[in-house]
Amino acid sequence: MNPRQRRAVLLLAIAALGLVGVFALVANYVSEVETQVGDKVVVLELTRPVAANEAVPDTSIRRREVPRRWAPEAALSDYTQITGLVAGSDLQPNSILQEGMLVSPPQLQEGQREEAILVDASTGVAGRVRPGDIVDVIASYGAEQGAEDVEGKPNRTIVIVPGAEVINVGTPRLKDANGVQDAPANPGEVVPVTFALDKRQSLKVAHASVFGADVRLALLRRGDPADRTLGETIYRGEDPKEQKDGTIR
């Protein structure tokens, strides 16, 4: 085989390898396109915002076809899957509904109402409190006029609602205790927590959330009675003392 023939064979081999490479690229592209535009599944998508504990009507949902590759594994696809459920947290429009985003509506007893407050995410909730838990709501108040101890109104911490039932825990958000402009200097997070309370408890929680220096939750152990009697409900920053009525304060 002379040099010219060898060059021809080499060129043919290079051309064959090029054709194989082009074929592989085209096949991969076709497969990629097929996974994106073919084999679609139906999902349910929100068309408007839905607040926590709000029912999701059919008029707020549209059926949408998306490639199976991009559909969430837990995506809901049928209207019957949302019947009788409410939003577990605030939902945004264009969100694809998935398992866990909708929950059973809270069951309030006669005389109860829902009351929501913002609780510090790290000290008040710390990721441990879930719907259905029982907690003590604890509020701390400072003495009047900044004094260390004013008779009748000292620095004190009070269990304002023992055994409150948690019916919803929202999404953490940026703490903004001093206004939007102060948010960067106060970067902590708060969590909206909703309780099932009677009228008096609701007023106590509302008062504490506005006038209290701090509101925290103490999670009760599963199985502990929510209606237990608490002897120690007030702490004034000193060693507790037994009172005439037998309580320790």
C-alpha atoms as a PDB file:
ATOM      1  CA  MET A   1       0.000   0.000   0.000  1.00  0.00           C
ATOM      2  CA  ASN A   2       1.526   3.249  -1.170  1.00  0.00           C
ATOM      3  CA  PRO A   3       1.463   6.495   0.889  1.00  0.00           C
ATOM      4  CA  ARG A   4      -1.512   7.903  -1.086  1.00  0.00           C
ATOM      5  CA  GLN A   5      -3.609   4.822  -0.311  1.00  0.00           C
ATOM      6  CA  ARG A   6      -2.673   4.983   3.380  1.00  0.00           C
ATOM      7  CA  ARG A   7      -3.785   8.634   3.535  1.00  0.00           C
ATOM      8  CA  ALA A   8      -7.090   7.723   1.910  1.00  0.00           C
ATOM      9  CA  VAL A   9      -7.721   4.917   4.401  1.00  0.00           C
ATOM     10  CA  LEU A  10      -6.843   7.266   7.307  1.00  0.00           C
ATOM     11  CA  LEU A  11      -9.244   9.926   6.012  1.00  0.00           C
ATOM     12  CA  LEU A  12     -12.001   7.341   5.630  1.00  0.00           C
ATOM     13  CA  ALA A  13     -11.404   6.172   9.221  1.00  0.00           C
ATOM     14  CA  ILE A  14     -11.553   9.742  10.544  1.00  0.00           C
ATOM     15  CA  ALA A  15     -14.747  10.405   8.587  1.00  0.00           C
ATOM     16  CA  ALA A  16     -16.323   7.228  10.006  1.00  0.00           C
ATOM     17  CA  LEU A  17     -15.423   8.250  13.542  1.00  0.00           C
ATOM     18  CA  GLY A  18     -16.899  11.690  12.896  1.00  0.00           C
ATOM     19  CA  LEU A  19     -20.147  10.152  11.659  1.00  0.00           C
ATOM     20  CA  VAL A  20     -20.343   7.969  14.763  1.00  0.00           C
ATOM     21  CA  GLY A  21     -19.790  11.016  16.976  1.00  0.00           C
ATOM     22  CA  VAL A  22     -22.445  13.055  15.150  1.00  0.00           C
ATOM     23  CA  PHE A  23     -24.896  10.158  15.398  1.00  0.00           C
ATOM     24  CA  ALA A  24     -24.276   9.890  19.162  1.00  0.00           C
ATOM     25  CA  LEU A  25     -24.812  13.631  19.637  1.00  0.00           C
ATOM     26  CA  VAL A  26     -28.017  13.592  17.601  1.00  0.00           C
ATOM     27  CA  ALA A  27     -29.345  10.546  19.480  1.00  0.00           C
ATOM     28  CA  ASN A  28     -28.565  12.179  22.835  1.00  0.00           C
ATOM     29  CA  TYR A  29     -30.265  15.416  21.760  1.00  0.00           C
ATOM     30  CA  VAL A  30     -33.373  13.571  20.592  1.00  0.00           C
ATOM     31  CA  SER A  31     -33.518  11.658  23.871  1.00  0.00           C
ATOM     32  CA  GLU A  32     -33.143  14.894  25.839  1.00  0.00           C
ATOM     33  CA  VAL A  33     -35.918  16.593  23.868  1.00  0.00           C
ATOM     34  CA  GLU A  34     -38.161  13.581  24.310  1.00  0.00           C
ATOM     35  CA  THR A  35     -37.783  13.687  28.092  1.00  0.00           C
ATOM     36  CA  GLN A  36     -38.658  17.387  28.142  1.00  0.00           C
ATOM     37  CA  VAL A  37     -41.563  17.543  25.721  1.00  0.00           C
ATOM     38  CA  GLY A  38     -42.790  13.963  25.762  1.00  0.00           C
ATOM     39  CA  ASP A  39     -44.350  11.728  28.382  1.00  0.00           C
ATOM     40  CA  LYS A  40     -46.210  14.462  30.240  1.00  0.00           C
ATOM     41  CA  VAL A  41     -48.178  14.189  33.477  1.00  0.00           C
ATOM     42  CA  VAL A  42     -50.997  16.304  34.899  1.00  0.00           C
ATOM     43  CA  VAL A  43     -50.429  18.371  38.073  1.00  0.00           C
ATOM     44  CA  LEU A  44     -52.577  20.834  40.021  1.00  0.00           C
ATOM     45  CA  GLU A  45     -51.297  24.410  40.135  1.00  0.00           C
ATOM     46  CA  LEU A  46     -52.540  27.342  42.236  1.00  0.00           C
ATOM     47  CA  THR A  47     -53.769  30.445  40.422  1.00  0.00           C
ATOM     48  CA  ARG A  48     -53.926  32.760  43.477  1.00  0.00           C
ATOM     49  CA  PRO A  49     -52.418  33.037  46.973  1.00  0.00           C
ATOM     50  CA  VAL A  50     -54.005  30.872  49.664  1.00  0.00           C
ATOM     51  CA  ALA A  51     -53.607  31.710  53.351  1.00  0.00           C
ATOM     52  CA  ALA A  52     -52.885  29.101  56.011  1.00  0.00           C
ATOM     53  CA  ASN A  53     -55.988  27.185  57.163  1.00  0.00           C
ATOM     54  CA  GLU A  54     -57.936  28.420  54.131  1.00  0.00           C
ATOM     55  CA  ALA A  55     -59.770  25.920  51.949  1.00  0.00           C
ATOM     56  CA  VAL A  56     -58.586  25.712  48.346  1.00  0.00           C
ATOM     57  CA  PRO A  57     -61.600  26.003  46.003  1.00  0.00           C
ATOM     58  CA  ASP A  58     -61.553  24.427  42.552  1.00  0.00           C
ATOM     59  CA  THR A  59     -61.664  27.924  41.032  1.00  0.00           C
ATOM     60  CA  SER A  60     -58.214  28.613  42.516  1.00  0.00           C
ATOM     61  CA  ILE A  61     -56.629  25.607  40.802  1.00  0.00           C
ATOM     62  CA  ARG A  62     -55.819  24.754  37.212  1.00  0.00           C
ATOM     63  CA  ARG A  63     -54.741  21.468  35.703  1.00  0.00           C
ATOM     64  CA  ARG A  64     -51.392  21.719  33.956  1.00  0.00           C
ATOM     65  CA  GLU A  65     -49.392  19.255  31.907  1.00  0.00           C
ATOM     66  CA  VAL A  66     -45.669  19.162  32.583  1.00  0.00           C
ATOM     67  CA  PRO A  67     -42.932  16.756  31.483  1.00  0.00           C
ATOM     68  CA  ARG A  68     -42.671  13.872  33.901  1.00  0.00           C
ATOM     69  CA  ARG A  69     -39.031  14.754  34.386  1.00  0.00           C
ATOM     70  CA  TRP A  70     -39.905  18.142  35.918  1.00  0.00           C
ATOM     71  CA  ALA A  71     -42.965  17.113  37.941  1.00  0.00           C
ATOM     72  CA  PRO A  72     -42.423  16.764  41.730  1.00  0.00           C
ATOM     73  CA  GLU A  73     -42.719  13.165  42.899  1.00  0.00           C
ATOM     74  CA  ALA A  74     -45.401  14.100  45.445  1.00  0.00           C
ATOM     75  CA  ALA A  75     -47.403  16.335  43.081  1.00  0.00           C
ATOM     76  CA  LEU A  76     -51.211  16.092  43.307  1.00  0.00           C
ATOM     77  CA  SER A  77     -53.029  15.383  40.062  1.00  0.00           C
ATOM     78  CA  ASP A  78     -56.725  15.030  40.915  1.00  0.00           C
ATOM     79  CA  TYR A  79     -59.250  17.383  42.493  1.00  0.00           C
ATOM     80  CA  THR A  80     -60.490  14.597  44.764  1.00  0.00           C
ATOM     81  CA  GLN A  81     -57.109  14.650  46.524  1.00  0.00           C
ATOM     82  CA  ILE A  82     -57.790  18.118  47.971  1.00  0.00           C
ATOM     83  CA  THR A  83     -61.406  17.635  49.023  1.00  0.00           C
ATOM     84  CA  GLY A  84     -61.978  18.684  52.643  1.00  0.00           C
ATOM     85  CA  LEU A  85     -58.394  19.927  53.141  1.00  0.00           C
ATOM     86  CA  VAL A  86     -56.993  23.372  53.919  1.00  0.00           C
ATOM     87  CA  ALA A  87     -53.620  25.005  53.319  1.00  0.00           C
ATOM     88  CA  GLY A  88     -51.067  23.977  55.945  1.00  0.00           C
ATOM     89  CA  SER A  89     -49.179  27.286  55.475  1.00  0.00           C
ATOM     90  CA  ASP A  90     -49.344  30.357  53.258  1.00  0.00           C
ATOM     91  CA  LEU A  91     -49.189  29.193  49.626  1.00  0.00           C
ATOM     92  CA  GLN A  92     -48.118  31.324  46.687  1.00  0.00           C
ATOM     93  CA  PRO A  93     -49.665  31.430  43.195  1.00  0.00           C
ATOM     94  CA  ASN A  94     -48.138  29.181  40.499  1.00  0.00           C
ATOM     95  CA  SER A  95     -47.199  26.645  43.174  1.00  0.00           C
ATOM     96  CA  ILE A  96     -47.673  23.002  42.218  1.00  0.00           C
ATOM     97  CA  LEU A  97     -49.712  21.335  44.956  1.00  0.00           C
ATOM     98  CA  GLN A  98     -47.902  18.464  46.651  1.00  0.00           C
ATOM     99  CA  GLU A  99     -48.584  16.029  49.466  1.00  0.00           C
ATOM    100  CA  GLY A 100     -48.123  17.734  52.829  1.00  0.00           C
ATOM    101  CA  MET A 101     -49.036  21.214  51.589  1.00  0.00           C
ATOM    102  CA  LEU A 102     -52.709  20.606  52.403  1.00  0.00           C
ATOM    103  CA  VAL A 103     -53.869  19.317  55.783  1.00  0.00           C
ATOM    104  CA  SER A 104     -57.096  18.501  57.567  1.00  0.00           C
ATOM    105  CA  PRO A 105     -58.865  21.596  58.921  1.00  0.00           C
ATOM    106  CA  PRO A 106     -58.392  22.306  62.631  1.00  0.00           C
ATOM    107  CA  GLN A 107     -61.122  20.956  64.844  1.00  0.00           C
ATOM    108  CA  LEU A 108     -62.193  23.665  67.286  1.00  0.00           C
ATOM    109  CA  GLN A 109     -64.323  22.803  70.266  1.00  0.00           C
ATOM    110  CA  GLU A 110     -67.349  24.866  71.241  1.00  0.00           C
ATOM    111  CA  GLY A 111     -66.288  28.257  72.571  1.00  0.00           C
ATOM    112  CA  GLN A 112     -62.797  28.074  71.056  1.00  0.00           C
ATOM    113  CA  ARG A 113     -61.300  30.319  68.443  1.00  0.00           C
ATOM    114  CA  GLU A 114     -58.037  30.431  66.526  1.00  0.00           C
ATOM    115  CA  GLU A 115     -55.378  32.842  67.764  1.00  0.00           C
ATOM    116  CA  ALA A 116     -52.046  33.300  65.984  1.00  0.00           C
ATOM    117  CA  ILE A 117     -48.936  35.017  67.340  1.00  0.00           C
ATOM    118  CA  LEU A 118     -45.338  35.376  66.211  1.00  0.00           C
ATOM    119  CA  VAL A 119     -42.891  33.375  68.318  1.00  0.00           C
ATOM    120  CA  ASP A 120     -39.106  33.557  68.193  1.00  0.00           C
ATOM    121  CA  ALA A 121     -37.936  30.759  65.889  1.00  0.00           C
ATOM    122  CA  SER A 122     -34.884  29.807  67.955  1.00  0.00           C
ATOM    123  CA  THR A 123     -35.996  30.237  71.578  1.00  0.00           C
ATOM    124  CA  GLY A 124     -39.741  29.831  71.201  1.00  0.00           C
ATOM    125  CA  VAL A 125     -40.121  27.007  68.692  1.00  0.00           C
ATOM    126  CA  ALA A 126     -36.698  25.704  67.645  1.00  0.00           C
ATOM    127  CA  GLY A 127     -38.246  23.409  65.052  1.00  0.00           C
ATOM    128  CA  ARG A 128     -39.754  21.113  67.679  1.00  0.00           C
ATOM    129  CA  VAL A 129     -43.365  22.282  67.849  1.00  0.00           C
ATOM    130  CA  ARG A 130     -45.816  20.680  65.415  1.00  0.00           C
ATOM    131  CA  PRO A 131     -49.581  20.906  64.859  1.00  0.00           C
ATOM    132  CA  GLY A 132     -51.364  18.842  67.498  1.00  0.00           C
ATOM    133  CA  ASP A 133     -48.713  19.491  70.182  1.00  0.00           C
ATOM    134  CA  ILE A 134     -49.650  20.836  73.607  1.00  0.00           C
ATOM    135  CA  VAL A 135     -47.550  23.720  74.950  1.00  0.00           C
ATOM    136  CA  ASP A 136     -47.462  26.199  77.810  1.00  0.00           C
ATOM    137  CA  VAL A 137     -47.458  29.798  76.571  1.00  0.00           C
ATOM    138  CA  ILE A 138     -45.020  31.790  78.721  1.00  0.00           C
ATOM    139  CA  ALA A 139     -44.775  35.597  78.685  1.00  0.00           C
ATOM    140  CA  SER A 140     -42.145  37.835  80.286  1.00  0.00           C
ATOM    141  CA  TYR A 141     -42.909  41.415  81.323  1.00  0.00           C
ATOM    142  CA  GLY A 142     -40.541  44.152  82.463  1.00  0.00           C
ATOM    143  CA  ALA A 143     -41.177  46.354  85.497  1.00  0.00           C
ATOM    144  CA  GLU A 144     -43.056  49.595  84.968  1.00  0.00           C
ATOM    145  CA  GLN A 145     -40.972  52.643  84.032  1.00  0.00           C
ATOM    146  CA  GLY A 146     -37.848  50.494  83.733  1.00  0.00           C
ATOM    147  CA  ALA A 147     -37.405  50.153  87.477  1.00  0.00           C
ATOM    148  CA  GLU A 148     -35.960  46.943  88.845  1.00  0.00           C
ATOM    149  CA  ASP A 149     -38.971  46.296  91.036  1.00  0.00           C
ATOM    150  CA  VAL A 150     -42.116  48.386  91.237  1.00  0.00           C
ATOM    151  CA  GLU A 151     -44.608  47.226  93.830  1.00  0.00           C
ATOM    152  CA  GLY A 152     -47.415  45.380  92.134  1.00  0.00           C
ATOM    153  CA  LYS A 153     -45.658  45.314  88.748  1.00  0.00           C
ATOM    154  CA  PRO A 154     -42.177  43.790  89.118  1.00  0.00           C
ATOM    155  CA  ASN A 155     -40.155  42.041  86.448  1.00  0.00           C
ATOM    156  CA  ARG A 156     -41.984  38.768  86.052  1.00  0.00           C
ATOM    157  CA  THR A 157     -42.487  35.711  83.867  1.00  0.00           C
ATOM    158  CA  ILE A 158     -45.944  34.146  83.745  1.00  0.00           C
ATOM    159  CA  VAL A 159     -47.473  30.991  82.311  1.00  0.00           C
ATOM    160  CA  ILE A 160     -50.384  32.818  80.679  1.00  0.00           C
ATOM    161  CA  VAL A 161     -51.945  29.741  79.039  1.00  0.00           C
ATOM    162  CA  PRO A 162     -51.115  26.257  80.316  1.00  0.00           C
ATOM    163  CA  GLY A 163     -51.801  23.395  77.930  1.00  0.00           C
ATOM    164  CA  ALA A 164     -52.551  25.349  74.732  1.00  0.00           C
ATOM    165  CA  GLU A 165     -53.179  23.229  71.636  1.00  0.00           C
ATOM    166  CA  VAL A 166     -51.127  24.091  68.547  1.00  0.00           C
ATOM    167  CA  ILE A 167     -53.164  23.792  65.361  1.00  0.00           C
ATOM    168  CA  ASN A 168     -50.693  25.240  62.867  1.00  0.00           C
ATOM    169  CA  VAL A 169     -47.047  26.289  62.613  1.00  0.00           C
ATOM    170  CA  GLY A 170     -46.256  28.625  59.736  1.00  0.00           C
ATOM    171  CA  THR A 171     -43.122  29.336  57.750  1.00  0.00           C
ATOM    172  CA  PRO A 172     -40.288  31.227  59.514  1.00  0.00           C
ATOM    173  CA  ARG A 173     -39.984  34.849  58.466  1.00  0.00           C
ATOM    174  CA  LEU A 174     -37.546  37.686  59.184  1.00  0.00           C
ATOM    175  CA  LYS A 175     -38.042  39.270  62.579  1.00  0.00           C
ATOM    176  CA  ASP A 176     -39.198  42.865  62.258  1.00  0.00           C
ATOM    177  CA  ALA A 177     -39.851  43.970  65.806  1.00  0.00           C
ATOM    178  CA  ASN A 178     -38.756  47.557  65.170  1.00  0.00           C
ATOM    179  CA  GLY A 179     -40.099  48.124  61.700  1.00  0.00           C
ATOM    180  CA  VAL A 180     -39.018  47.178  58.194  1.00  0.00           C
ATOM    181  CA  GLN A 181     -36.114  49.606  58.184  1.00  0.00           C
ATOM    182  CA  ASP A 182     -34.592  47.935  61.250  1.00  0.00           C
ATOM    183  CA  ALA A 183     -34.891  44.391  59.909  1.00  0.00           C
ATOM    184  CA  PRO A 184     -31.228  44.102  58.720  1.00  0.00           C
ATOM    185  CA  ALA A 185     -30.026  45.034  62.229  1.00  0.00           C
ATOM    186  CA  ASN A 186     -32.440  42.545  63.782  1.00  0.00           C
ATOM    187  CA  PRO A 187     -31.950  39.459  61.598  1.00  0.00           C
ATOM    188  CA  GLY A 188     -33.589  36.828  63.779  1.00  0.00           C
ATOM    189  CA  GLU A 189     -36.578  34.832  62.614  1.00  0.00           C
ATOM    190  CA  VAL A 190     -40.085  34.470  63.986  1.00  0.00           C
ATOM    191  CA  VAL A 191     -42.666  31.778  63.314  1.00  0.00           C
ATOM    192  CA  PRO A 192     -46.448  32.296  63.242  1.00  0.00           C
ATOM    193  CA  VAL A 193     -48.042  29.766  65.596  1.00  0.00           C
ATOM    194  CA  THR A 194     -51.820  29.292  65.734  1.00  0.00           C
ATOM    195  CA  PHE A 195     -53.564  28.009  68.861  1.00  0.00           C
ATOM    196  CA  ALA A 196     -57.067  26.798  69.750  1.00  0.00           C
ATOM    197  CA  LEU A 197     -58.047  28.980  72.716  1.00  0.00           C
ATOM    198  CA  ASP A 198     -61.098  30.081  74.634  1.00  0.00           C
ATOM    199  CA  LYS A 199     -62.001  33.771  74.863  1.00  0.00           C
ATOM    200  CA  ARG A 200     -60.028  34.532  78.035  1.00  0.00           C
ATOM    201  CA  GLN A 201     -56.939  32.670  76.832  1.00  0.00           C
ATOM    202  CA  SER A 202     -57.156  34.439  73.492  1.00  0.00           C
ATOM    203  CA  LEU A 203     -57.136  37.830  75.217  1.00  0.00           C
ATOM    204  CA  LYS A 204     -54.152  36.833  77.372  1.00  0.00           C
ATOM    205  CA  VAL A 205     -52.145  35.694  74.356  1.00  0.00           C
ATOM    206  CA  ALA A 206     -53.045  38.826  72.384  1.00  0.00           C
ATOM    207  CA  HIS A 207     -52.015  41.042  75.328  1.00  0.00           C
ATOM    208  CA  ALA A 208     -48.703  39.203  75.741  1.00  0.00           C
ATOM    209  CA  SER A 209     -47.862  39.387  72.037  1.00  0.00           C
ATOM    210  CA  VAL A 210     -48.295  43.181  72.100  1.00  0.00           C
ATOM    211  CA  PHE A 211     -47.079  44.217  75.566  1.00  0.00           C
ATOM    212  CA  GLY A 212     -44.858  41.330  76.645  1.00  0.00           C
ATOM    213  CA  ALA A 213     -41.091  41.631  76.342  1.00  0.00           C
ATOM    214  CA  ASP A 214     -40.905  38.008  75.208  1.00  0.00           C
ATOM    215  CA  VAL A 215     -43.317  35.158  74.473  1.00  0.00           C
ATOM    216  CA  ARG A 216     -42.087  31.556  74.486  1.00  0.00           C
ATOM    217  CA  LEU A 217     -43.527  28.075  74.225  1.00  0.00           C
ATOM    218  CA  ALA A 218     -42.748  25.145  76.521  1.00  0.00           C
ATOM    219  CA  LEU A 219     -43.497  21.848  74.797  1.00  0.00           C
ATOM    220  CA  LEU A 220     -45.260  19.269  76.943  1.00  0.00           C
ATOM    221  CA  ARG A 221     -44.376  15.603  76.807  1.00  0.00           C
ATOM    222  CA  ARG A 222     -46.773  13.500  74.796  1.00  0.00           C
ATOM    223  CA  GLY A 223     -49.347  12.021  77.149  1.00  0.00           C
ATOM    224  CA  ASP A 224     -49.118  14.719  79.830  1.00  0.00           C
ATOM    225  CA  PRO A 225     -52.592  16.090  80.692  1.00  0.00           C
ATOM    226  CA  ALA A 226     -53.207  19.510  79.177  1.00  0.00           C
ATOM    227  CA  ASP A 227     -55.638  20.482  81.944  1.00  0.00           C
ATOM    228  CA  ARG A 228     -53.199  19.823  84.807  1.00  0.00           C
ATOM    229  CA  THR A 229     -53.103  22.315  87.699  1.00  0.00           C
ATOM    230  CA  LEU A 230     -49.989  24.474  87.815  1.00  0.00           C
ATOM    231  CA  GLY A 231     -48.883  25.751  91.204  1.00  0.00           C
ATOM    232  CA  GLU A 232     -45.989  27.776  89.826  1.00  0.00           C
ATOM    233  CA  THR A 233     -47.351  30.192  87.245  1.00  0.00           C
ATOM    234  CA  ILE A 234     -45.421  33.365  88.103  1.00  0.00           C
ATOM    235  CA  TYR A 235     -41.686  33.902  88.606  1.00  0.00           C
ATOM    236  CA  ARG A 236     -40.377  37.312  89.657  1.00  0.00           C
ATOM    237  CA  GLY A 237     -36.660  36.795  89.190  1.00  0.00           C
ATOM    238  CA  GLU A 238     -35.961  35.644  92.737  1.00  0.00           C
ATOM    239  CA  ASP A 239     -36.107  32.398  94.675  1.00  0.00           C
ATOM    240  CA  PRO A 240     -39.740  31.179  94.666  1.00  0.00           C
ATOM    241  CA  LYS A 241     -41.526  31.366  98.013  1.00  0.00           C
ATOM    242  CA  GLU A 242     -44.535  29.476  99.253  1.00  0.00           C
ATOM    243  CA  GLN A 243     -47.594  31.715  99.502  1.00  0.00           C
ATOM    244  CA  LYS A 244     -50.462  31.548 102.003  1.00  0.00           C
ATOM    245  CA  ASP A 245     -52.649  29.863  99.411  1.00  0.00           C
ATOM    246  CA  GLY A 246     -50.070  27.113  98.993  1.00  0.00           C
ATOM    247  CA  THR A 247     -48.802  28.225  95.599  1.00  0.00           C
ATOM    248  CA  ILE A 248     -45.106  28.854  95.001  1.00  0.00           C
ATOM    249  CA  ARG A 249     -44.296  32.249  93.529  1.00  0.00           C
END
